[in-house]
Structure formats: structure tokens, C-alpha cells
Amino acid sequence: FSHGEEQDKALKQTIEYLEIINGELKGKKFFGGET
């Protein structure tokens, strides 16, 4: 989506989802730990 509400919505969702995944990685080298 090149511009407008659709892209704004997609960008907002992307950042929200990255925040969630970022929290899951706290204290970890990889998602499962050290490997």
C-alpha cells in the first residue's frame, strides 16, 4: 500500500506486532534460548 489509511493501518499493526515479538526475545539469544 503506497499511501493513505491502508498503509498507516498496516504500519501501525507491524509496529504493534514487533513490540510483542520483541518482548518474547527478552533475555534470549534465540527464540528457544542459546540454540
Full PDB file with SEQRES, HELIX, SHEET, SSBOND, CRYST1, ORIGX, SCALE, CONECT and MASTER records, all heavy atoms in Angstrom:
SEQRES   1 A   35  PHE SER HIS GLY GLU GLU GLN ASP LYS ALA LEU LYS GLN          
SEQRES   2 A   35  THR ILE GLU TYR LEU GLU ILE ILE ASN GLY GLU LEU LYS          
SEQRES   3 A   35  GLY LYS LYS PHE PHE GLY GLY GLU THR                          
HELIX    1 AA1 GLY A    4  GLU A   24  1                                  21    
CRYST1    1.000    1.000    1.000  90.00  90.00  90.00 P 1           1          
ORIGX1      1.000000  0.000000  0.000000        0.00000                         
ORIGX2      0.000000  1.000000  0.000000        0.00000                         
ORIGX3      0.000000  0.000000  1.000000        0.00000                         
SCALE1      1.000000  0.000000  0.000000        0.00000                         
SCALE2      0.000000  1.000000  0.000000        0.00000                         
SCALE3      0.000000  0.000000  1.000000        0.00000                         
ATOM      1  N   PHE A   1       0.849  -1.190   0.000  1.00  0.00           N  
ATOM      2  CA  PHE A   1       0.000   0.000   0.000  1.00  0.00           C  
ATOM      3  C   PHE A   1       0.888   1.244   0.000  1.00  0.00           C  
ATOM      4  O   PHE A   1       1.632   1.494   0.942  1.00  0.00           O  
ATOM      5  CB  PHE A   1      -0.912   0.015   1.223  1.00  0.00           C  
ATOM      6  CG  PHE A   1      -1.891  -1.127   1.242  1.00  0.00           C  
ATOM      7  CD1 PHE A   1      -2.145  -1.823   2.414  1.00  0.00           C  
ATOM      8  CD2 PHE A   1      -2.563  -1.509   0.091  1.00  0.00           C  
ATOM      9  CE1 PHE A   1      -3.046  -2.875   2.439  1.00  0.00           C  
ATOM     10  CE2 PHE A   1      -3.461  -2.560   0.103  1.00  0.00           C  
ATOM     11  CZ  PHE A   1      -3.714  -3.249   1.278  1.00  0.00           C  
ATOM     12  N   SER A   2       0.783   2.028  -1.054  1.00  0.00           N  
ATOM     13  CA  SER A   2       1.741   3.123  -1.233  1.00  0.00           C  
ATOM     14  C   SER A   2       1.475   4.327  -0.338  1.00  0.00           C  
ATOM     15  O   SER A   2       2.383   5.080  -0.026  1.00  0.00           O  
ATOM     16  CB  SER A   2       1.744   3.578  -2.702  1.00  0.00           C  
ATOM     17  OG  SER A   2       0.446   3.982  -3.096  1.00  0.00           O  
ATOM     18  N   HIS A   3       0.230   4.524   0.088  1.00  0.00           N  
ATOM     19  CA  HIS A   3      -0.067   5.695   0.917  1.00  0.00           C  
ATOM     20  C   HIS A   3      -1.472   5.553   1.493  1.00  0.00           C  
ATOM     21  O   HIS A   3      -2.198   4.599   1.202  1.00  0.00           O  
ATOM     22  CB  HIS A   3       0.021   6.986   0.093  1.00  0.00           C  
ATOM     23  CG  HIS A   3      -0.835   6.973  -1.136  1.00  0.00           C  
ATOM     24  ND1 HIS A   3      -2.193   7.166  -1.107  1.00  0.00           N  
ATOM     25  CD2 HIS A   3      -0.514   6.754  -2.435  1.00  0.00           C  
ATOM     26  CE1 HIS A   3      -2.682   7.086  -2.329  1.00  0.00           C  
ATOM     27  NE2 HIS A   3      -1.687   6.831  -3.167  1.00  0.00           N  
ATOM     28  N   GLY A   4      -1.821   6.517   2.338  1.00  0.00           N  
ATOM     29  CA  GLY A   4      -3.190   6.585   2.832  1.00  0.00           C  
ATOM     30  C   GLY A   4      -3.461   5.725   4.048  1.00  0.00           C  
ATOM     31  O   GLY A   4      -2.549   5.221   4.705  1.00  0.00           O  
ATOM     32  N   GLU A   5      -4.745   5.584   4.340  1.00  0.00           N  
ATOM     33  CA  GLU A   5      -5.174   4.905   5.563  1.00  0.00           C  
ATOM     34  C   GLU A   5      -4.742   3.449   5.607  1.00  0.00           C  
ATOM     35  O   GLU A   5      -4.406   2.931   6.675  1.00  0.00           O  
ATOM     36  CB  GLU A   5      -6.694   4.993   5.700  1.00  0.00           C  
ATOM     37  CG  GLU A   5      -7.207   6.395   6.009  1.00  0.00           C  
ATOM     38  CD  GLU A   5      -8.708   6.424   6.216  1.00  0.00           C  
ATOM     39  OE1 GLU A   5      -9.312   5.333   6.294  1.00  0.00           O  
ATOM     40  OE2 GLU A   5      -9.272   7.525   6.311  1.00  0.00           O  
ATOM     41  N   GLU A   6      -4.751   2.792   4.466  1.00  0.00           N  
ATOM     42  CA  GLU A   6      -4.405   1.373   4.445  1.00  0.00           C  
ATOM     43  C   GLU A   6      -2.959   1.161   4.862  1.00  0.00           C  
ATOM     44  O   GLU A   6      -2.649   0.270   5.653  1.00  0.00           O  
ATOM     45  CB  GLU A   6      -4.652   0.785   3.052  1.00  0.00           C  
ATOM     46  CG  GLU A   6      -6.127   0.631   2.705  1.00  0.00           C  
ATOM     47  CD  GLU A   6      -6.330   0.056   1.324  1.00  0.00           C  
ATOM     48  OE1 GLU A   6      -5.558   0.416   0.407  1.00  0.00           O  
ATOM     49  OE2 GLU A   6      -7.253  -0.761   1.154  1.00  0.00           O  
ATOM     50  N   GLN A   7      -2.060   1.991   4.331  1.00  0.00           N  
ATOM     51  CA  GLN A   7      -0.658   1.851   4.714  1.00  0.00           C  
ATOM     52  C   GLN A   7      -0.445   2.254   6.173  1.00  0.00           C  
ATOM     53  O   GLN A   7       0.302   1.602   6.896  1.00  0.00           O  
ATOM     54  CB  GLN A   7       0.268   2.675   3.821  1.00  0.00           C  
ATOM     55  CG  GLN A   7       1.749   2.345   4.102  1.00  0.00           C  
ATOM     56  CD  GLN A   7       2.720   3.250   3.372  1.00  0.00           C  
ATOM     57  OE1 GLN A   7       2.535   4.467   3.350  1.00  0.00           O  
ATOM     58  NE2 GLN A   7       3.758   2.665   2.801  1.00  0.00           N  
ATOM     59  N   ASP A   8      -1.097   3.313   6.611  1.00  0.00           N  
ATOM     60  CA  ASP A   8      -0.977   3.748   8.005  1.00  0.00           C  
ATOM     61  C   ASP A   8      -1.418   2.635   8.960  1.00  0.00           C  
ATOM     62  O   ASP A   8      -0.765   2.376   9.978  1.00  0.00           O  
ATOM     63  CB  ASP A   8      -1.823   5.001   8.249  1.00  0.00           C  
ATOM     64  CG  ASP A   8      -1.245   6.224   7.555  1.00  0.00           C  
ATOM     65  OD1 ASP A   8      -0.057   6.182   7.183  1.00  0.00           O  
ATOM     66  OD2 ASP A   8      -1.996   7.206   7.401  1.00  0.00           O  
ATOM     67  N   LYS A   9      -2.520   1.988   8.625  1.00  0.00           N  
ATOM     68  CA  LYS A   9      -3.018   0.885   9.444  1.00  0.00           C  
ATOM     69  C   LYS A   9      -2.024  -0.270   9.452  1.00  0.00           C  
ATOM     70  O   LYS A   9      -1.737  -0.854  10.508  1.00  0.00           O  
ATOM     71  CB  LYS A   9      -4.375   0.413   8.911  1.00  0.00           C  
ATOM     72  CG  LYS A   9      -4.965  -0.747   9.695  1.00  0.00           C  
ATOM     73  CD  LYS A   9      -6.291  -1.201   9.095  1.00  0.00           C  
ATOM     74  CE  LYS A   9      -6.830  -2.425   9.837  1.00  0.00           C  
ATOM     75  NZ  LYS A   9      -8.104  -2.900   9.230  1.00  0.00           N  
ATOM     76  N   ALA A  10      -1.480  -0.602   8.276  1.00  0.00           N  
ATOM     77  CA  ALA A  10      -0.525  -1.701   8.174  1.00  0.00           C  
ATOM     78  C   ALA A  10       0.751  -1.398   8.957  1.00  0.00           C  
ATOM     79  O   ALA A  10       1.308  -2.278   9.633  1.00  0.00           O  
ATOM     80  CB  ALA A  10      -0.202  -1.985   6.710  1.00  0.00           C  
ATOM     81  N   LEU A  11       1.218  -0.146   8.874  1.00  0.00           N  
ATOM     82  CA  LEU A  11       2.420   0.250   9.618  1.00  0.00           C  
ATOM     83  C   LEU A  11       2.180   0.160  11.127  1.00  0.00           C  
ATOM     84  O   LEU A  11       3.032  -0.345  11.868  1.00  0.00           O  
ATOM     85  CB  LEU A  11       2.829   1.670   9.241  1.00  0.00           C  
ATOM     86  CG  LEU A  11       3.587   1.841   7.927  1.00  0.00           C  
ATOM     87  CD1 LEU A  11       3.723   3.320   7.588  1.00  0.00           C  
ATOM     88  CD2 LEU A  11       4.971   1.192   8.013  1.00  0.00           C  
ATOM     89  N   LYS A  12       1.033   0.636  11.569  1.00  0.00           N  
ATOM     90  CA  LYS A  12       0.701   0.588  12.992  1.00  0.00           C  
ATOM     91  C   LYS A  12       0.650  -0.852  13.486  1.00  0.00           C  
ATOM     92  O   LYS A  12       1.190  -1.182  14.558  1.00  0.00           O  
ATOM     93  CB  LYS A  12      -0.640   1.276  13.237  1.00  0.00           C  
ATOM     94  CG  LYS A  12      -1.041   1.328  14.708  1.00  0.00           C  
ATOM     95  CD  LYS A  12      -2.388   2.034  14.889  1.00  0.00           C  
ATOM     96  CE  LYS A  12      -2.799   2.031  16.364  1.00  0.00           C  
ATOM     97  NZ  LYS A  12      -4.122   2.688  16.572  1.00  0.00           N  
ATOM     98  N   GLN A  13       0.028  -1.724  12.709  1.00  0.00           N  
ATOM     99  CA  GLN A  13      -0.056  -3.132  13.083  1.00  0.00           C  
ATOM    100  C   GLN A  13       1.325  -3.772  13.116  1.00  0.00           C  
ATOM    101  O   GLN A  13       1.646  -4.543  14.031  1.00  0.00           O  
ATOM    102  CB  GLN A  13      -0.959  -3.878  12.102  1.00  0.00           C  
ATOM    103  CG  GLN A  13      -2.427  -3.546  12.252  1.00  0.00           C  
ATOM    104  CD  GLN A  13      -3.276  -4.281  11.236  1.00  0.00           C  
ATOM    105  OE1 GLN A  13      -2.822  -4.607  10.136  1.00  0.00           O  
ATOM    106  NE2 GLN A  13      -4.523  -4.532  11.589  1.00  0.00           N  
ATOM    107  N   THR A  14       2.150  -3.455  12.118  1.00  0.00           N  
ATOM    108  CA  THR A  14       3.509  -4.015  12.061  1.00  0.00           C  
ATOM    109  C   THR A  14       4.284  -3.670  13.326  1.00  0.00           C  
ATOM    110  O   THR A  14       4.929  -4.531  13.930  1.00  0.00           O  
ATOM    111  CB  THR A  14       4.259  -3.490  10.819  1.00  0.00           C  
ATOM    112  OG1 THR A  14       3.562  -3.896   9.638  1.00  0.00           O  
ATOM    113  CG2 THR A  14       5.676  -4.039  10.774  1.00  0.00           C  
ATOM    114  N   ILE A  15       4.223  -2.420  13.733  1.00  0.00           N  
ATOM    115  CA  ILE A  15       4.949  -1.977  14.932  1.00  0.00           C  
ATOM    116  C   ILE A  15       4.390  -2.645  16.183  1.00  0.00           C  
ATOM    117  O   ILE A  15       5.151  -3.073  17.062  1.00  0.00           O  
ATOM    118  CB  ILE A  15       4.904  -0.443  15.035  1.00  0.00           C  
ATOM    119  CG1 ILE A  15       5.733   0.179  13.891  1.00  0.00           C  
ATOM    120  CG2 ILE A  15       5.424   0.030  16.386  1.00  0.00           C  
ATOM    121  CD1 ILE A  15       5.575   1.669  13.736  1.00  0.00           C  
ATOM    122  N   GLU A  16       3.084  -2.786  16.258  1.00  0.00           N  
ATOM    123  CA  GLU A  16       2.472  -3.466  17.408  1.00  0.00           C  
ATOM    124  C   GLU A  16       2.940  -4.920  17.496  1.00  0.00           C  
ATOM    125  O   GLU A  16       3.265  -5.418  18.584  1.00  0.00           O  
ATOM    126  CB  GLU A  16       0.950  -3.411  17.292  1.00  0.00           C  
ATOM    127  CG  GLU A  16       0.357  -2.026  17.561  1.00  0.00           C  
ATOM    128  CD  GLU A  16      -1.153  -1.995  17.331  1.00  0.00           C  
ATOM    129  OE1 GLU A  16      -1.719  -3.024  16.909  1.00  0.00           O  
ATOM    130  OE2 GLU A  16      -1.761  -0.931  17.582  1.00  0.00           O  
ATOM    131  N   TYR A  17       2.983  -5.594  16.371  1.00  0.00           N  
ATOM    132  CA  TYR A  17       3.395  -6.998  16.362  1.00  0.00           C  
ATOM    133  C   TYR A  17       4.888  -7.142  16.680  1.00  0.00           C  
ATOM    134  O   TYR A  17       5.300  -8.092  17.364  1.00  0.00           O  
ATOM    135  CB  TYR A  17       3.070  -7.635  15.021  1.00  0.00           C  
ATOM    136  CG  TYR A  17       1.594  -7.634  14.683  1.00  0.00           C  
ATOM    137  CD1 TYR A  17       1.159  -7.503  13.363  1.00  0.00           C  
ATOM    138  CD2 TYR A  17       0.617  -7.736  15.677  1.00  0.00           C  
ATOM    139  CE1 TYR A  17      -0.191  -7.487  13.050  1.00  0.00           C  
ATOM    140  CE2 TYR A  17      -0.733  -7.716  15.371  1.00  0.00           C  
ATOM    141  CZ  TYR A  17      -1.135  -7.592  14.056  1.00  0.00           C  
ATOM    142  OH  TYR A  17      -2.473  -7.586  13.745  1.00  0.00           O  
ATOM    143  N   LEU A  18       5.688  -6.201  16.178  1.00  0.00           N  
ATOM    144  CA  LEU A  18       7.117  -6.222  16.510  1.00  0.00           C  
ATOM    145  C   LEU A  18       7.342  -6.012  18.003  1.00  0.00           C  
ATOM    146  O   LEU A  18       8.247  -6.610  18.594  1.00  0.00           O  
ATOM    147  CB  LEU A  18       7.855  -5.149  15.705  1.00  0.00           C  
ATOM    148  CG  LEU A  18       8.111  -5.451  14.230  1.00  0.00           C  
ATOM    149  CD1 LEU A  18       8.635  -4.206  13.519  1.00  0.00           C  
ATOM    150  CD2 LEU A  18       9.095  -6.610  14.065  1.00  0.00           C  
ATOM    151  N   GLU A  19       6.538  -5.162  18.625  1.00  0.00           N  
ATOM    152  CA  GLU A  19       6.635  -4.943  20.074  1.00  0.00           C  
ATOM    153  C   GLU A  19       6.375  -6.239  20.842  1.00  0.00           C  
ATOM    154  O   GLU A  19       7.068  -6.554  21.811  1.00  0.00           O  
ATOM    155  CB  GLU A  19       5.636  -3.867  20.515  1.00  0.00           C  
ATOM    156  CG  GLU A  19       6.027  -2.455  20.133  1.00  0.00           C  
ATOM    157  CD  GLU A  19       4.955  -1.434  20.505  1.00  0.00           C  
ATOM    158  OE1 GLU A  19       3.791  -1.845  20.721  1.00  0.00           O  
ATOM    159  OE2 GLU A  19       5.280  -0.233  20.583  1.00  0.00           O  
ATOM    160  N   ILE A  20       5.383  -6.982  20.400  1.00  0.00           N  
ATOM    161  CA  ILE A  20       5.058  -8.250  21.051  1.00  0.00           C  
ATOM    162  C   ILE A  20       6.201  -9.241  20.909  1.00  0.00           C  
ATOM    163  O   ILE A  20       6.625  -9.879  21.891  1.00  0.00           O  
ATOM    164  CB  ILE A  20       3.756  -8.833  20.458  1.00  0.00           C  
ATOM    165  CG1 ILE A  20       2.568  -7.931  20.812  1.00  0.00           C  
ATOM    166  CG2 ILE A  20       3.519 -10.250  20.975  1.00  0.00           C  
ATOM    167  CD1 ILE A  20       1.285  -8.281  20.076  1.00  0.00           C  
ATOM    168  N   ILE A  21       6.734  -9.365  19.704  1.00  0.00           N  
ATOM    169  CA  ILE A  21       7.833 -10.311  19.467  1.00  0.00           C  
ATOM    170  C   ILE A  21       9.098  -9.859  20.189  1.00  0.00           C  
ATOM    171  O   ILE A  21       9.850 -10.674  20.728  1.00  0.00           O  
ATOM    172  CB  ILE A  21       8.073 -10.467  17.960  1.00  0.00           C  
ATOM    173  CG1 ILE A  21       6.850 -11.129  17.304  1.00  0.00           C  
ATOM    174  CG2 ILE A  21       9.320 -11.314  17.695  1.00  0.00           C  
ATOM    175  CD1 ILE A  21       6.911 -11.185  15.793  1.00  0.00           C  
ATOM    176  N   ASN A  22       9.330  -8.558  20.231  1.00  0.00           N  
ATOM    177  CA  ASN A  22      10.476  -8.025  20.969  1.00  0.00           C  
ATOM    178  C   ASN A  22      10.427  -8.459  22.429  1.00  0.00           C  
ATOM    179  O   ASN A  22      11.443  -8.860  23.011  1.00  0.00           O  
ATOM    180  CB  ASN A  22      10.487  -6.501  20.867  1.00  0.00           C  
ATOM    181  CG  ASN A  22      11.646  -5.863  21.596  1.00  0.00           C  
ATOM    182  OD1 ASN A  22      12.795  -5.980  21.188  1.00  0.00           O  
ATOM    183  ND2 ASN A  22      11.344  -5.164  22.689  1.00  0.00           N  
ATOM    184  N   GLY A  23       9.236  -8.417  23.026  1.00  0.00           N  
ATOM    185  CA  GLY A  23       9.074  -8.848  24.408  1.00  0.00           C  
ATOM    186  C   GLY A  23       9.381 -10.326  24.600  1.00  0.00           C  
ATOM    187  O   GLY A  23       9.938 -10.719  25.634  1.00  0.00           O  
ATOM    188  N   GLU A  24       9.041 -11.134  23.601  1.00  0.00           N  
ATOM    189  CA  GLU A  24       9.302 -12.571  23.679  1.00  0.00           C  
ATOM    190  C   GLU A  24      10.793 -12.891  23.620  1.00  0.00           C  
ATOM    191  O   GLU A  24      11.219 -13.962  24.051  1.00  0.00           O  
ATOM    192  CB  GLU A  24       8.581 -13.296  22.540  1.00  0.00           C  
ATOM    193  CG  GLU A  24       7.092 -13.437  22.735  1.00  0.00           C  
ATOM    194  CD  GLU A  24       6.745 -14.246  23.971  1.00  0.00           C  
ATOM    195  OE1 GLU A  24       7.264 -15.368  24.111  1.00  0.00           O  
ATOM    196  OE2 GLU A  24       5.974 -13.735  24.812  1.00  0.00           O  
ATOM    197  N   LEU A  25      11.574 -11.987  23.087  1.00  0.00           N  
ATOM    198  CA  LEU A  25      13.018 -12.219  22.930  1.00  0.00           C  
ATOM    199  C   LEU A  25      13.848 -11.680  24.095  1.00  0.00           C  
ATOM    200  O   LEU A  25      15.066 -11.843  24.102  1.00  0.00           O  
ATOM    201  CB  LEU A  25      13.499 -11.579  21.619  1.00  0.00           C  
ATOM    202  CG  LEU A  25      13.149 -12.354  20.345  1.00  0.00           C  
ATOM    203  CD1 LEU A  25      13.315 -11.462  19.118  1.00  0.00           C  
ATOM    204  CD2 LEU A  25      14.008 -13.603  20.228  1.00  0.00           C  
ATOM    205  N   LYS A  26      13.216 -11.076  25.068  1.00  0.00           N  
ATOM    206  CA  LYS A  26      13.959 -10.510  26.199  1.00  0.00           C  
ATOM    207  C   LYS A  26      14.765 -11.590  26.909  1.00  0.00           C  
ATOM    208  O   LYS A  26      14.236 -12.636  27.287  1.00  0.00           O  
ATOM    209  CB  LYS A  26      12.995  -9.854  27.189  1.00  0.00           C  
ATOM    210  CG  LYS A  26      13.701  -9.160  28.344  1.00  0.00           C  
ATOM    211  CD  LYS A  26      12.699  -8.458  29.260  1.00  0.00           C  
ATOM    212  CE  LYS A  26      13.410  -7.737  30.398  1.00  0.00           C  
ATOM    213  NZ  LYS A  26      12.460  -7.025  31.285  1.00  0.00           N  
ATOM    214  N   GLY A  27      16.051 -11.341  27.053  1.00  0.00           N  
ATOM    215  CA  GLY A  27      16.927 -12.267  27.760  1.00  0.00           C  
ATOM    216  C   GLY A  27      17.308 -13.504  26.974  1.00  0.00           C  
ATOM    217  O   GLY A  27      17.891 -14.442  27.526  1.00  0.00           O  
ATOM    218  N   LYS A  28      17.005 -13.525  25.663  1.00  0.00           N  
ATOM    219  CA  LYS A  28      17.285 -14.705  24.846  1.00  0.00           C  
ATOM    220  C   LYS A  28      18.229 -14.355  23.688  1.00  0.00           C  
ATOM    221  O   LYS A  28      18.132 -13.282  23.098  1.00  0.00           O  
ATOM    222  CB  LYS A  28      15.989 -15.270  24.253  1.00  0.00           C  
ATOM    223  CG  LYS A  28      14.970 -15.739  25.271  1.00  0.00           C  
ATOM    224  CD  LYS A  28      13.713 -16.209  24.561  1.00  0.00           C  
ATOM    225  CE  LYS A  28      12.628 -16.629  25.530  1.00  0.00           C  
ATOM    226  NZ  LYS A  28      11.377 -17.023  24.821  1.00  0.00           N  
ATOM    227  N   LYS A  29      19.107 -15.297  23.391  1.00  0.00           N  
ATOM    228  CA  LYS A  29      19.946 -15.159  22.199  1.00  0.00           C  
ATOM    229  C   LYS A  29      19.144 -15.518  20.957  1.00  0.00           C  
ATOM    230  O   LYS A  29      19.180 -14.831  19.942  1.00  0.00           O  
ATOM    231  CB  LYS A  29      21.180 -16.053  22.305  1.00  0.00           C  
ATOM    232  CG  LYS A  29      22.146 -15.922  21.139  1.00  0.00           C  
ATOM    233  CD  LYS A  29      23.390 -16.777  21.352  1.00  0.00           C  
ATOM    234  CE  LYS A  29      24.356 -16.613  20.181  1.00  0.00           C  
ATOM    235  NZ  LYS A  29      25.586 -17.431  20.358  1.00  0.00           N  
ATOM    236  N   PHE A  30      18.420 -16.639  21.060  1.00  0.00           N  
ATOM    237  CA  PHE A  30      17.499 -17.079  20.021  1.00  0.00           C  
ATOM    238  C   PHE A  30      16.144 -17.323  20.671  1.00  0.00           C  
ATOM    239  O   PHE A  30      16.015 -17.292  21.887  1.00  0.00           O  
ATOM    240  CB  PHE A  30      18.015 -18.348  19.331  1.00  0.00           C  
ATOM    241  CG  PHE A  30      19.331 -18.171  18.626  1.00  0.00           C  
ATOM    242  CD1 PHE A  30      20.494 -18.727  19.130  1.00  0.00           C  
ATOM    243  CD2 PHE A  30      19.403 -17.434  17.446  1.00  0.00           C  
ATOM    244  CE1 PHE A  30      21.706 -18.559  18.487  1.00  0.00           C  
ATOM    245  CE2 PHE A  30      20.613 -17.260  16.791  1.00  0.00           C  
ATOM    246  CZ  PHE A  30      21.771 -17.820  17.309  1.00  0.00           C  
ATOM    247  N   PHE A  31      15.131 -17.597  19.865  1.00  0.00           N  
ATOM    248  CA  PHE A  31      13.788 -17.768  20.424  1.00  0.00           C  
ATOM    249  C   PHE A  31      13.726 -18.907  21.435  1.00  0.00           C  
ATOM    250  O   PHE A  31      13.010 -18.838  22.430  1.00  0.00           O  
ATOM    251  CB  PHE A  31      12.770 -18.010  19.309  1.00  0.00           C  
ATOM    252  CG  PHE A  31      12.278 -16.751  18.663  1.00  0.00           C  
ATOM    253  CD1 PHE A  31      12.841 -16.296  17.483  1.00  0.00           C  
ATOM    254  CD2 PHE A  31      11.254 -16.007  19.235  1.00  0.00           C  
ATOM    255  CE1 PHE A  31      12.394 -15.126  16.879  1.00  0.00           C  
ATOM    256  CE2 PHE A  31      10.802 -14.838  18.651  1.00  0.00           C  
ATOM    257  CZ  PHE A  31      11.372 -14.398  17.465  1.00  0.00           C  
ATOM    258  N   GLY A  32      14.492 -19.964  21.175  1.00  0.00           N  
ATOM    259  CA  GLY A  32      14.475 -21.111  22.081  1.00  0.00           C  
ATOM    260  C   GLY A  32      15.536 -21.058  23.165  1.00  0.00           C  
ATOM    261  O   GLY A  32      15.653 -21.986  23.963  1.00  0.00           O  
ATOM    262  N   GLY A  33      16.304 -19.977  23.214  1.00  0.00           N  
ATOM    263  CA  GLY A  33      17.368 -19.869  24.213  1.00  0.00           C  
ATOM    264  C   GLY A  33      18.719 -19.641  23.554  1.00  0.00           C  
ATOM    265  O   GLY A  33      18.917 -18.674  22.824  1.00  0.00           O  
ATOM    266  N   GLU A  34      19.637 -20.585  23.782  1.00  0.00           N  
ATOM    267  CA  GLU A  34      21.004 -20.414  23.288  1.00  0.00           C  
ATOM    268  C   GLU A  34      21.236 -21.050  21.924  1.00  0.00           C  
ATOM    269  O   GLU A  34      22.277 -20.845  21.309  1.00  0.00           O  
ATOM    270  CB  GLU A  34      21.998 -21.023  24.305  1.00  0.00           C  
ATOM    271  CG  GLU A  34      22.089 -20.251  25.610  1.00  0.00           C  
ATOM    272  CD  GLU A  34      22.590 -18.825  25.396  1.00  0.00           C  
ATOM    273  OE1 GLU A  34      23.617 -18.648  24.712  1.00  0.00           O  
ATOM    274  OE2 GLU A  34      21.941 -17.885  25.898  1.00  0.00           O  
ATOM    275  N   THR A  35      20.278 -21.839  21.446  1.00  0.00           N  
ATOM    276  CA  THR A  35      20.460 -22.588  20.209  1.00  0.00           C  
ATOM    277  C   THR A  35      19.427 -22.186  19.174  1.00  0.00           C  
ATOM    278  O   THR A  35      18.252 -22.014  19.496  1.00  0.00           O  
ATOM    279  CB  THR A  35      20.335 -24.108  20.473  1.00  0.00           C  
ATOM    280  OG1 THR A  35      21.218 -24.468  21.530  1.00  0.00           O  
ATOM    281  CG2 THR A  35      20.688 -24.915  19.234  1.00  0.00           C  
TER     282      THR A  35                                                      
MASTER        0    0    0    1    0    0    0    6  281    1    0    3          
END                                                                             
